[in-house]
């Protein structure tokens, strides 16, 4: 019998106490949000409760690797942590393999292969098509500046424009409900960049 409540408290407490304070984007609240939005998208996609539990578990661990490592390879470190912890909470080897696949689906560029992997990939980047895009993007910019202090706002905007132009959603829910917002955010960024160039 899986104990989701105990697991989520355990992992979130670990993230709260052990994540570096400069991780203002990859913060425990980001993990909490991805768990919530992954469950919501899954419900819209008519996923059964057993699979939703696996999906929420993958969301819980998808950025947990930041506890022990930097940006590169944090997904594999998150998988290692999940493999170590999940058997104690009633997860089978097969379920942990499915969870590992979902975590790998969040690696950029995203290449999800299954329905559940598509849902977690979309949940992780759902904000691209929301009104929170600028606010969340600023958090990511400040976090990346910790690794690269010379990263200018102009360079960051260029990175975001290229990313938005190459990104696409994988689930019917996000395609129908987030693509339009993402295009709006992209156009806004392009407009801002042109305005800066005129100065």
N, C-alpha and C. Protein backbone atom coordinates (compact mmCIF):
# COMPACT_ATOMS: atom_id res chain seq x y z
N UNK A 1 0.84 -1.21 0.00
CA UNK A 1 0.00 0.00 0.00
C UNK A 1 0.88 1.25 0.00
N UNK A 2 0.66 2.13 -0.97
CA UNK A 2 1.46 3.34 -1.06
C UNK A 2 0.97 4.40 -0.07
N UNK A 3 1.92 5.14 0.47
CA UNK A 3 1.57 6.20 1.41
C UNK A 3 1.98 7.54 0.80
N UNK A 4 1.10 8.08 -0.07
CA UNK A 4 1.39 9.32 -0.79
C UNK A 4 1.59 10.50 0.17
N UNK A 5 0.70 10.63 1.15
CA UNK A 5 0.78 11.78 2.06
C UNK A 5 2.12 11.83 2.79
N UNK A 6 2.54 10.69 3.33
CA UNK A 6 3.81 10.62 4.06
C UNK A 6 4.98 10.90 3.10
N UNK A 7 4.90 10.36 1.88
CA UNK A 7 5.96 10.56 0.89
C UNK A 7 6.08 12.03 0.51
N UNK A 8 4.95 12.68 0.19
CA UNK A 8 4.99 14.07 -0.26
C UNK A 8 5.51 14.99 0.85
N UNK A 9 5.10 14.74 2.10
CA UNK A 9 5.60 15.54 3.23
C UNK A 9 7.11 15.34 3.38
N UNK A 10 7.53 14.08 3.28
CA UNK A 10 8.94 13.74 3.42
C UNK A 10 9.79 14.45 2.36
N UNK A 11 9.39 14.35 1.10
CA UNK A 11 10.18 14.93 0.01
C UNK A 11 10.14 16.46 0.04
N UNK A 12 8.96 17.04 0.26
CA UNK A 12 8.86 18.51 0.30
C UNK A 12 9.66 19.08 1.47
N UNK A 13 9.62 18.41 2.62
CA UNK A 13 10.43 18.86 3.77
C UNK A 13 11.91 18.83 3.43
N UNK A 14 12.31 17.80 2.71
CA UNK A 14 13.70 17.65 2.27
C UNK A 14 14.08 18.80 1.32
N UNK A 15 13.19 19.11 0.38
CA UNK A 15 13.45 20.21 -0.56
C UNK A 15 13.54 21.54 0.18
N UNK A 16 12.61 21.75 1.12
CA UNK A 16 12.58 23.01 1.87
C UNK A 16 13.87 23.23 2.65
N UNK A 17 14.41 22.17 3.21
CA UNK A 17 15.58 22.31 4.08
C UNK A 17 16.92 22.21 3.34
N UNK A 18 16.92 21.56 2.16
CA UNK A 18 18.21 21.26 1.53
C UNK A 18 18.47 21.96 0.19
N UNK A 19 17.44 22.52 -0.44
CA UNK A 19 17.69 23.23 -1.71
C UNK A 19 18.44 24.53 -1.43
N UNK A 20 19.36 24.88 -2.30
CA UNK A 20 20.14 26.10 -2.14
C UNK A 20 19.23 27.33 -2.23
N UNK A 21 19.48 28.37 -1.42
CA UNK A 21 18.62 29.56 -1.43
C UNK A 21 18.62 30.33 -2.75
N UNK A 22 19.66 30.14 -3.61
CA UNK A 22 19.65 30.86 -4.89
C UNK A 22 18.72 30.21 -5.91
N UNK A 23 18.19 29.04 -5.61
CA UNK A 23 17.25 28.37 -6.53
C UNK A 23 15.85 28.98 -6.36
N UNK A 24 15.68 30.17 -6.93
CA UNK A 24 14.39 30.86 -6.74
C UNK A 24 13.35 30.42 -7.77
N UNK A 25 13.79 29.75 -8.84
CA UNK A 25 12.85 29.14 -9.78
C UNK A 25 12.64 27.67 -9.41
N UNK A 26 13.74 26.91 -9.30
CA UNK A 26 13.65 25.50 -8.93
C UNK A 26 13.51 25.38 -7.41
N UNK A 27 12.50 26.02 -6.91
CA UNK A 27 12.19 26.13 -5.50
C UNK A 27 11.19 25.03 -5.16
N UNK A 28 11.02 24.70 -3.88
CA UNK A 28 10.06 23.65 -3.53
C UNK A 28 8.64 24.00 -3.98
N UNK A 29 8.34 25.30 -4.09
CA UNK A 29 6.98 25.70 -4.53
C UNK A 29 6.76 25.35 -6.00
N UNK A 30 7.84 25.34 -6.80
CA UNK A 30 7.73 24.91 -8.20
C UNK A 30 7.33 23.44 -8.24
N UNK A 31 7.99 22.62 -7.41
CA UNK A 31 7.66 21.19 -7.35
C UNK A 31 6.20 21.00 -6.94
N UNK A 32 5.79 21.73 -5.93
CA UNK A 32 4.40 21.65 -5.44
C UNK A 32 3.42 22.01 -6.55
N UNK A 33 3.74 23.05 -7.32
CA UNK A 33 2.87 23.49 -8.41
C UNK A 33 2.80 22.42 -9.51
N UNK A 34 3.96 21.83 -9.86
CA UNK A 34 3.98 20.82 -10.93
C UNK A 34 3.19 19.58 -10.52
N UNK A 35 3.26 19.20 -9.25
CA UNK A 35 2.45 18.07 -8.74
C UNK A 35 0.96 18.38 -8.96
N UNK A 36 0.56 19.59 -8.58
CA UNK A 36 -0.85 19.99 -8.66
C UNK A 36 -1.34 20.08 -10.10
N UNK A 37 -0.54 20.72 -10.98
CA UNK A 37 -0.97 20.91 -12.37
C UNK A 37 -0.91 19.60 -13.13
N UNK A 38 0.04 18.72 -12.79
CA UNK A 38 0.12 17.40 -13.44
C UNK A 38 -1.15 16.60 -13.14
N UNK A 39 -1.58 16.65 -11.88
CA UNK A 39 -2.81 15.95 -11.49
C UNK A 39 -4.01 16.53 -12.25
N UNK A 40 -4.07 17.86 -12.35
CA UNK A 40 -5.19 18.51 -13.03
C UNK A 40 -5.23 18.14 -14.52
N UNK A 41 -4.07 18.21 -15.19
CA UNK A 41 -4.02 17.84 -16.62
C UNK A 41 -4.42 16.38 -16.79
N UNK A 42 -3.92 15.52 -15.91
CA UNK A 42 -4.24 14.08 -15.98
C UNK A 42 -5.75 13.84 -15.88
N UNK A 43 -6.40 14.59 -15.00
CA UNK A 43 -7.86 14.45 -14.86
C UNK A 43 -8.57 14.89 -16.13
N UNK A 44 -8.07 15.97 -16.76
CA UNK A 44 -8.66 16.42 -18.03
C UNK A 44 -8.43 15.40 -19.14
N UNK A 45 -7.36 14.63 -19.01
CA UNK A 45 -6.99 13.62 -20.02
C UNK A 45 -7.56 12.23 -19.66
N UNK A 46 -8.39 12.19 -18.61
CA UNK A 46 -9.08 10.95 -18.18
C UNK A 46 -8.13 9.81 -17.81
N UNK A 47 -7.09 10.15 -17.06
CA UNK A 47 -6.13 9.15 -16.57
C UNK A 47 -6.66 8.53 -15.29
N UNK A 48 -6.46 7.22 -15.12
CA UNK A 48 -6.98 6.55 -13.92
C UNK A 48 -6.17 6.94 -12.67
N UNK A 49 -6.78 6.72 -11.51
CA UNK A 49 -6.20 7.18 -10.23
C UNK A 49 -4.83 6.55 -9.94
N UNK A 50 -4.67 5.28 -10.29
CA UNK A 50 -3.38 4.60 -10.02
C UNK A 50 -2.25 5.27 -10.81
N UNK A 51 -2.53 5.61 -12.07
CA UNK A 51 -1.51 6.27 -12.90
C UNK A 51 -1.29 7.71 -12.46
N UNK A 52 -2.36 8.38 -11.99
CA UNK A 52 -2.21 9.75 -11.48
C UNK A 52 -1.26 9.77 -10.28
N UNK A 53 -1.35 8.75 -9.45
CA UNK A 53 -0.46 8.66 -8.28
C UNK A 53 1.01 8.53 -8.73
N UNK A 54 1.25 7.72 -9.76
CA UNK A 54 2.62 7.59 -10.29
C UNK A 54 3.10 8.92 -10.89
N UNK A 55 2.19 9.60 -11.57
CA UNK A 55 2.49 10.90 -12.17
C UNK A 55 2.85 11.93 -11.10
N UNK A 56 2.06 12.00 -10.04
CA UNK A 56 2.34 12.94 -8.95
C UNK A 56 3.67 12.61 -8.28
N UNK A 57 3.98 11.34 -8.19
CA UNK A 57 5.25 10.91 -7.59
C UNK A 57 6.42 11.37 -8.45
N UNK A 58 6.29 11.20 -9.77
CA UNK A 58 7.34 11.66 -10.69
C UNK A 58 7.51 13.18 -10.58
N UNK A 59 6.40 13.89 -10.49
CA UNK A 59 6.45 15.35 -10.35
C UNK A 59 7.17 15.75 -9.06
N UNK A 60 6.93 15.00 -8.03
CA UNK A 60 7.55 15.26 -6.72
C UNK A 60 9.08 15.15 -6.78
N UNK A 61 9.57 14.23 -7.62
CA UNK A 61 11.02 13.98 -7.71
C UNK A 61 11.69 14.64 -8.92
N UNK A 62 10.91 15.29 -9.80
CA UNK A 62 11.49 15.69 -11.10
C UNK A 62 12.62 16.71 -10.96
N UNK A 63 12.61 17.51 -9.89
CA UNK A 63 13.70 18.46 -9.66
C UNK A 63 14.42 18.21 -8.33
N UNK A 64 14.13 17.08 -7.70
CA UNK A 64 14.75 16.77 -6.40
C UNK A 64 16.26 16.63 -6.50
N UNK A 65 16.75 16.33 -7.69
CA UNK A 65 18.19 16.17 -7.88
C UNK A 65 18.98 17.44 -7.61
N UNK A 66 18.31 18.60 -7.62
CA UNK A 66 18.98 19.86 -7.32
C UNK A 66 19.53 19.88 -5.89
N UNK A 67 19.05 18.99 -5.05
CA UNK A 67 19.57 18.88 -3.67
C UNK A 67 21.07 18.55 -3.71
N UNK A 68 21.45 17.66 -4.64
CA UNK A 68 22.83 17.15 -4.67
C UNK A 68 23.67 17.58 -5.86
N UNK A 69 23.06 18.24 -6.84
CA UNK A 69 23.81 18.54 -8.06
C UNK A 69 23.34 19.86 -8.66
N UNK A 70 24.07 20.36 -9.66
CA UNK A 70 23.68 21.59 -10.35
C UNK A 70 22.65 21.30 -11.43
N UNK A 71 22.54 22.24 -12.38
CA UNK A 71 21.53 22.11 -13.43
C UNK A 71 21.73 20.85 -14.26
N UNK A 72 22.97 20.61 -14.68
CA UNK A 72 23.26 19.46 -15.54
C UNK A 72 23.06 18.14 -14.77
N UNK A 73 22.24 17.28 -15.33
CA UNK A 73 22.07 15.94 -14.75
C UNK A 73 21.21 15.87 -13.51
N UNK A 74 20.47 16.94 -13.21
CA UNK A 74 19.65 16.89 -12.00
C UNK A 74 18.51 15.88 -12.13
N UNK A 75 18.07 15.63 -13.36
CA UNK A 75 16.98 14.65 -13.55
C UNK A 75 17.44 13.24 -13.17
N UNK A 76 18.64 12.87 -13.62
CA UNK A 76 19.15 11.54 -13.29
C UNK A 76 19.40 11.41 -11.78
N UNK A 77 19.82 12.49 -11.16
CA UNK A 77 20.02 12.47 -9.71
C UNK A 77 18.67 12.34 -9.00
N UNK A 78 17.63 12.99 -9.54
CA UNK A 78 16.28 12.85 -9.00
C UNK A 78 15.77 11.42 -9.10
N UNK A 79 16.10 10.76 -10.22
CA UNK A 79 15.74 9.35 -10.42
C UNK A 79 16.45 8.48 -9.39
N UNK A 80 17.73 8.77 -9.16
CA UNK A 80 18.50 8.00 -8.17
C UNK A 80 17.87 8.13 -6.77
N UNK A 81 17.47 9.33 -6.44
CA UNK A 81 16.83 9.57 -5.13
C UNK A 81 15.49 8.82 -5.04
N UNK A 82 14.73 8.84 -6.16
CA UNK A 82 13.44 8.14 -6.19
C UNK A 82 13.64 6.62 -6.04
N UNK A 83 14.62 6.09 -6.74
CA UNK A 83 14.91 4.64 -6.67
C UNK A 83 15.28 4.22 -5.24
N UNK A 84 15.96 5.12 -4.55
CA UNK A 84 16.39 4.83 -3.18
C UNK A 84 15.22 4.93 -2.18
N UNK A 85 14.37 5.91 -2.36
CA UNK A 85 13.32 6.21 -1.38
C UNK A 85 12.01 5.46 -1.60
N UNK A 86 11.60 5.30 -2.86
CA UNK A 86 10.24 4.82 -3.15
C UNK A 86 9.92 3.39 -2.67
N UNK A 87 10.87 2.45 -2.68
CA UNK A 87 10.51 1.12 -2.17
C UNK A 87 10.01 1.16 -0.72
N UNK A 88 10.51 2.11 0.08
CA UNK A 88 10.07 2.24 1.48
C UNK A 88 8.63 2.73 1.59
N UNK A 89 8.10 3.27 0.49
CA UNK A 89 6.74 3.81 0.51
C UNK A 89 5.77 2.96 -0.33
N UNK A 90 6.19 1.71 -0.63
CA UNK A 90 5.27 0.76 -1.25
C UNK A 90 5.27 0.73 -2.77
N UNK A 91 6.28 1.32 -3.41
CA UNK A 91 6.34 1.33 -4.88
C UNK A 91 7.13 0.12 -5.39
N UNK A 92 6.63 -0.48 -6.47
CA UNK A 92 7.30 -1.65 -7.06
C UNK A 92 8.40 -1.20 -8.03
N UNK A 93 9.24 -2.14 -8.39
CA UNK A 93 10.33 -1.85 -9.34
C UNK A 93 9.77 -1.34 -10.67
N UNK A 94 8.70 -1.98 -11.15
CA UNK A 94 8.07 -1.59 -12.42
C UNK A 94 7.53 -0.15 -12.34
N UNK A 95 6.88 0.17 -11.21
CA UNK A 95 6.33 1.52 -11.04
C UNK A 95 7.46 2.56 -11.01
N UNK A 96 8.56 2.21 -10.38
CA UNK A 96 9.70 3.13 -10.30
C UNK A 96 10.30 3.36 -11.69
N UNK A 97 10.28 2.32 -12.54
CA UNK A 97 10.74 2.48 -13.93
C UNK A 97 9.86 3.46 -14.70
N UNK A 98 8.55 3.36 -14.50
CA UNK A 98 7.59 4.26 -15.16
C UNK A 98 7.83 5.70 -14.69
N UNK A 99 8.02 5.85 -13.38
CA UNK A 99 8.29 7.16 -12.78
C UNK A 99 9.59 7.74 -13.34
N UNK A 100 10.62 6.91 -13.47
CA UNK A 100 11.91 7.34 -14.02
C UNK A 100 11.76 7.86 -15.45
N UNK A 101 10.95 7.18 -16.24
CA UNK A 101 10.68 7.61 -17.62
C UNK A 101 10.03 8.98 -17.66
N UNK A 102 9.11 9.21 -16.74
CA UNK A 102 8.43 10.51 -16.67
C UNK A 102 9.41 11.62 -16.30
N UNK A 103 10.29 11.35 -15.34
CA UNK A 103 11.27 12.36 -14.93
C UNK A 103 12.20 12.69 -16.11
N UNK A 104 12.63 11.66 -16.84
CA UNK A 104 13.50 11.89 -18.02
C UNK A 104 12.78 12.70 -19.10
N UNK A 105 11.46 12.61 -19.15
CA UNK A 105 10.69 13.35 -20.15
C UNK A 105 10.72 14.86 -19.92
N UNK A 106 11.19 15.29 -18.72
CA UNK A 106 11.28 16.73 -18.45
C UNK A 106 12.63 17.31 -18.88
N UNK A 107 13.55 16.43 -19.33
CA UNK A 107 14.86 16.92 -19.82
C UNK A 107 14.63 17.74 -21.09
N UNK A 108 15.29 18.91 -21.16
CA UNK A 108 15.17 19.78 -22.33
C UNK A 108 16.24 19.39 -23.36
N UNK A 109 15.92 19.20 -24.66
CA UNK A 109 14.58 19.25 -25.24
C UNK A 109 13.74 18.04 -24.85
N UNK A 110 12.48 18.31 -24.57
CA UNK A 110 11.59 17.25 -24.10
C UNK A 110 11.29 16.24 -25.21
N UNK A 111 11.37 14.94 -24.82
CA UNK A 111 11.05 13.88 -25.79
C UNK A 111 10.19 12.81 -25.11
N UNK A 112 9.00 13.17 -24.66
CA UNK A 112 8.15 12.17 -23.98
C UNK A 112 7.67 11.10 -24.95
N UNK A 113 7.56 9.87 -24.43
CA UNK A 113 7.15 8.75 -25.29
C UNK A 113 5.77 8.21 -24.93
N UNK A 114 5.37 8.33 -23.67
CA UNK A 114 4.07 7.79 -23.24
C UNK A 114 3.13 8.92 -22.85
N UNK A 115 1.88 8.57 -22.67
CA UNK A 115 0.87 9.58 -22.27
C UNK A 115 1.26 10.24 -20.95
N UNK A 116 1.68 9.44 -19.98
CA UNK A 116 2.05 9.99 -18.67
C UNK A 116 3.28 10.89 -18.80
N UNK A 117 4.23 10.50 -19.63
CA UNK A 117 5.42 11.32 -19.85
C UNK A 117 5.04 12.65 -20.50
N UNK A 118 4.09 12.62 -21.42
CA UNK A 118 3.61 13.85 -22.06
C UNK A 118 2.98 14.79 -21.03
N UNK A 119 2.23 14.22 -20.09
CA UNK A 119 1.56 15.04 -19.08
C UNK A 119 2.58 15.72 -18.17
N UNK A 120 3.58 14.99 -17.70
CA UNK A 120 4.56 15.61 -16.81
C UNK A 120 5.40 16.65 -17.56
N UNK A 121 5.76 16.35 -18.80
CA UNK A 121 6.52 17.31 -19.61
C UNK A 121 5.74 18.62 -19.73
N UNK A 122 4.45 18.52 -20.00
CA UNK A 122 3.61 19.72 -20.14
C UNK A 122 3.41 20.42 -18.80
N UNK A 123 3.23 19.67 -17.75
CA UNK A 123 3.02 20.28 -16.42
C UNK A 123 4.23 21.12 -16.02
N UNK A 124 5.42 20.62 -16.35
CA UNK A 124 6.65 21.31 -15.97
C UNK A 124 6.78 22.67 -16.68
N UNK A 125 6.28 22.76 -17.91
CA UNK A 125 6.40 24.01 -18.69
C UNK A 125 5.05 24.66 -18.98
N UNK A 126 4.05 24.28 -18.24
CA UNK A 126 2.70 24.82 -18.44
C UNK A 126 2.70 26.34 -18.33
N UNK A 127 3.56 26.89 -17.47
CA UNK A 127 3.59 28.34 -17.23
C UNK A 127 3.90 29.16 -18.49
N UNK A 128 4.53 28.53 -19.51
CA UNK A 128 4.88 29.25 -20.74
C UNK A 128 3.64 29.86 -21.40
N UNK A 129 2.49 29.23 -21.18
CA UNK A 129 1.26 29.71 -21.82
C UNK A 129 0.31 30.38 -20.85
N UNK A 130 0.84 30.91 -19.74
CA UNK A 130 -0.02 31.54 -18.73
C UNK A 130 0.36 33.01 -18.52
N UNK A 131 -0.48 33.71 -17.77
CA UNK A 131 -0.21 35.12 -17.44
C UNK A 131 0.95 35.25 -16.45
N UNK A 132 1.38 34.14 -15.86
CA UNK A 132 2.52 34.16 -14.93
C UNK A 132 3.87 34.03 -15.64
N UNK A 133 3.85 33.96 -16.96
CA UNK A 133 5.06 33.71 -17.73
C UNK A 133 6.19 34.69 -17.40
N UNK A 134 5.87 35.99 -17.40
CA UNK A 134 6.92 37.00 -17.17
C UNK A 134 7.48 36.89 -15.74
N UNK A 135 6.59 36.76 -14.78
CA UNK A 135 6.99 36.67 -13.37
C UNK A 135 7.89 35.44 -13.13
N UNK A 136 7.46 34.29 -13.65
CA UNK A 136 8.22 33.04 -13.46
C UNK A 136 9.52 33.09 -14.26
N UNK A 137 9.44 33.64 -15.49
CA UNK A 137 10.64 33.78 -16.32
C UNK A 137 11.70 34.64 -15.65
N UNK A 138 11.28 35.69 -14.94
CA UNK A 138 12.23 36.55 -14.22
C UNK A 138 12.94 35.78 -13.11
N UNK A 139 12.20 34.89 -12.46
CA UNK A 139 12.81 34.06 -11.41
C UNK A 139 13.89 33.16 -12.01
N UNK A 140 13.58 32.58 -13.16
CA UNK A 140 14.54 31.70 -13.82
C UNK A 140 15.77 32.50 -14.26
N UNK A 141 15.54 33.71 -14.77
CA UNK A 141 16.65 34.57 -15.19
C UNK A 141 17.59 34.86 -14.01
N UNK A 142 17.03 35.23 -12.86
CA UNK A 142 17.84 35.53 -11.69
C UNK A 142 18.59 34.29 -11.19
N UNK A 143 17.93 33.13 -11.30
CA UNK A 143 18.60 31.88 -10.90
C UNK A 143 19.77 31.57 -11.84
N UNK A 144 19.55 31.74 -13.14
CA UNK A 144 20.61 31.45 -14.12
C UNK A 144 21.78 32.43 -13.98
N UNK A 145 21.48 33.65 -13.53
CA UNK A 145 22.55 34.64 -13.33
C UNK A 145 23.51 34.21 -12.22
N UNK A 146 23.03 33.37 -11.33
CA UNK A 146 23.92 32.84 -10.28
C UNK A 146 25.03 32.00 -10.93
N UNK A 147 24.64 31.21 -11.94
CA UNK A 147 25.62 30.37 -12.65
C UNK A 147 26.44 31.19 -13.65
N UNK A 148 25.77 32.19 -14.23
CA UNK A 148 26.40 33.00 -15.28
C UNK A 148 26.12 34.48 -15.00
N UNK A 149 26.94 35.12 -14.14
CA UNK A 149 26.69 36.52 -13.74
C UNK A 149 26.66 37.51 -14.90
N UNK A 150 27.27 37.15 -16.04
CA UNK A 150 27.31 38.07 -17.18
C UNK A 150 26.09 37.97 -18.09
N UNK A 151 25.14 37.10 -17.75
CA UNK A 151 23.95 36.93 -18.59
C UNK A 151 23.11 38.21 -18.57
N UNK A 152 23.03 38.87 -19.71
CA UNK A 152 22.26 40.13 -19.78
C UNK A 152 20.78 39.84 -20.03
N UNK A 153 19.97 40.84 -19.77
CA UNK A 153 18.52 40.72 -19.99
C UNK A 153 18.24 40.51 -21.48
N UNK A 154 19.02 41.17 -22.33
CA UNK A 154 18.86 41.02 -23.79
C UNK A 154 19.15 39.58 -24.22
N UNK A 155 20.23 39.02 -23.68
CA UNK A 155 20.57 37.62 -23.99
C UNK A 155 19.50 36.67 -23.48
N UNK A 156 19.00 36.95 -22.28
CA UNK A 156 17.95 36.11 -21.69
C UNK A 156 16.69 36.15 -22.54
N UNK A 157 16.30 37.35 -22.99
CA UNK A 157 15.11 37.46 -23.84
C UNK A 157 15.28 36.68 -25.13
N UNK A 158 16.49 36.71 -25.68
CA UNK A 158 16.78 35.96 -26.91
C UNK A 158 16.65 34.45 -26.66
N UNK A 159 17.16 33.99 -25.51
CA UNK A 159 17.05 32.57 -25.12
C UNK A 159 15.57 32.18 -25.01
N UNK A 160 14.80 33.06 -24.35
CA UNK A 160 13.37 32.76 -24.17
C UNK A 160 12.62 32.73 -25.50
N UNK A 161 12.92 33.68 -26.38
CA UNK A 161 12.26 33.72 -27.69
C UNK A 161 12.56 32.44 -28.47
N UNK A 162 13.83 32.04 -28.51
CA UNK A 162 14.21 30.81 -29.22
C UNK A 162 13.53 29.59 -28.61
N UNK A 163 13.45 29.58 -27.29
CA UNK A 163 12.84 28.43 -26.61
C UNK A 163 11.34 28.35 -26.91
N UNK A 164 10.66 29.48 -26.81
CA UNK A 164 9.22 29.50 -27.08
C UNK A 164 8.92 29.12 -28.53
N UNK A 165 9.78 29.54 -29.44
CA UNK A 165 9.56 29.22 -30.86
C UNK A 165 9.74 27.74 -31.17
N UNK A 166 10.60 27.08 -30.38
CA UNK A 166 10.87 25.65 -30.64
C UNK A 166 10.01 24.71 -29.79
N UNK A 167 9.39 25.26 -28.73
CA UNK A 167 8.62 24.43 -27.81
C UNK A 167 7.22 24.13 -28.35
N UNK A 168 6.72 22.93 -28.05
CA UNK A 168 5.32 22.61 -28.32
C UNK A 168 4.78 21.72 -27.21
N UNK A 169 3.50 21.88 -26.93
CA UNK A 169 2.84 21.05 -25.91
C UNK A 169 2.50 19.69 -26.49
N UNK A 170 2.31 18.72 -25.58
CA UNK A 170 2.10 17.32 -25.99
C UNK A 170 0.70 16.80 -25.67
N UNK A 171 0.02 17.40 -24.70
CA UNK A 171 -1.31 16.91 -24.30
C UNK A 171 -2.40 17.75 -24.95
N UNK A 172 -3.54 17.13 -25.16
CA UNK A 172 -4.69 17.84 -25.75
C UNK A 172 -5.06 19.04 -24.88
N UNK A 173 -5.00 18.86 -23.55
CA UNK A 173 -5.38 19.95 -22.64
C UNK A 173 -4.50 21.19 -22.86
N UNK A 174 -3.18 21.01 -22.85
CA UNK A 174 -2.27 22.16 -22.99
C UNK A 174 -2.28 22.73 -24.41
N UNK A 175 -2.43 21.85 -25.40
CA UNK A 175 -2.49 22.33 -26.79
C UNK A 175 -3.69 23.28 -26.94
N UNK A 176 -4.83 22.90 -26.36
CA UNK A 176 -6.05 23.71 -26.51
C UNK A 176 -6.11 24.89 -25.55
N UNK A 177 -5.47 24.78 -24.38
CA UNK A 177 -5.64 25.80 -23.35
C UNK A 177 -4.41 26.64 -23.04
N UNK A 178 -3.24 26.29 -23.59
CA UNK A 178 -2.02 27.03 -23.27
C UNK A 178 -1.26 27.54 -24.51
N UNK A 179 -1.55 26.97 -25.68
CA UNK A 179 -0.80 27.39 -26.88
C UNK A 179 -1.05 28.85 -27.22
N UNK A 180 -2.28 29.29 -27.16
CA UNK A 180 -2.62 30.68 -27.49
C UNK A 180 -1.90 31.65 -26.55
N UNK A 181 -1.90 31.32 -25.26
CA UNK A 181 -1.21 32.16 -24.27
C UNK A 181 0.28 32.19 -24.51
N UNK A 182 0.84 31.05 -24.92
CA UNK A 182 2.28 30.98 -25.20
C UNK A 182 2.64 31.87 -26.39
N UNK A 183 1.82 31.86 -27.43
CA UNK A 183 2.06 32.71 -28.60
C UNK A 183 1.98 34.19 -28.21
N UNK A 184 1.01 34.51 -27.35
CA UNK A 184 0.87 35.89 -26.86
C UNK A 184 2.13 36.31 -26.10
N UNK A 185 2.64 35.43 -25.24
CA UNK A 185 3.85 35.72 -24.47
C UNK A 185 5.07 35.87 -25.39
N UNK A 186 5.14 35.05 -26.41
CA UNK A 186 6.23 35.12 -27.38
C UNK A 186 6.20 36.47 -28.11
N UNK A 187 5.02 36.87 -28.59
CA UNK A 187 4.88 38.13 -29.31
C UNK A 187 5.23 39.32 -28.43
N UNK A 188 4.85 39.24 -27.16
CA UNK A 188 5.16 40.29 -26.20
C UNK A 188 6.69 40.43 -26.02
N UNK A 189 7.36 39.28 -25.93
CA UNK A 189 8.83 39.27 -25.79
C UNK A 189 9.50 39.88 -27.02
N UNK A 190 9.02 39.50 -28.19
CA UNK A 190 9.60 40.02 -29.45
C UNK A 190 9.42 41.54 -29.49
N UNK A 191 8.24 42.01 -29.09
CA UNK A 191 7.94 43.44 -29.06
C UNK A 191 8.88 44.17 -28.09
N UNK A 192 9.07 43.59 -26.90
CA UNK A 192 9.96 44.20 -25.90
C UNK A 192 11.39 44.28 -26.43
N UNK A 193 11.84 43.23 -27.11
CA UNK A 193 13.20 43.19 -27.65
C UNK A 193 13.38 44.27 -28.70
N UNK A 194 12.39 44.46 -29.56
CA UNK A 194 12.45 45.49 -30.60
C UNK A 194 12.49 46.88 -29.97
N UNK A 195 11.71 47.08 -28.92
CA UNK A 195 11.69 48.37 -28.21
C UNK A 195 13.04 48.67 -27.58
N UNK A 196 13.69 47.63 -27.03
CA UNK A 196 15.01 47.82 -26.41
C UNK A 196 16.06 48.17 -27.46
N UNK A 197 15.89 47.55 -28.65
CA UNK A 197 16.86 47.80 -29.73
C UNK A 197 16.79 49.26 -30.21
N UNK A 198 15.59 49.86 -30.07
CA UNK A 198 15.41 51.24 -30.54
C UNK A 198 16.06 52.25 -29.59
N UNK A 199 16.25 51.83 -28.32
CA UNK A 199 16.79 52.76 -27.32
C UNK A 199 18.25 53.12 -27.59
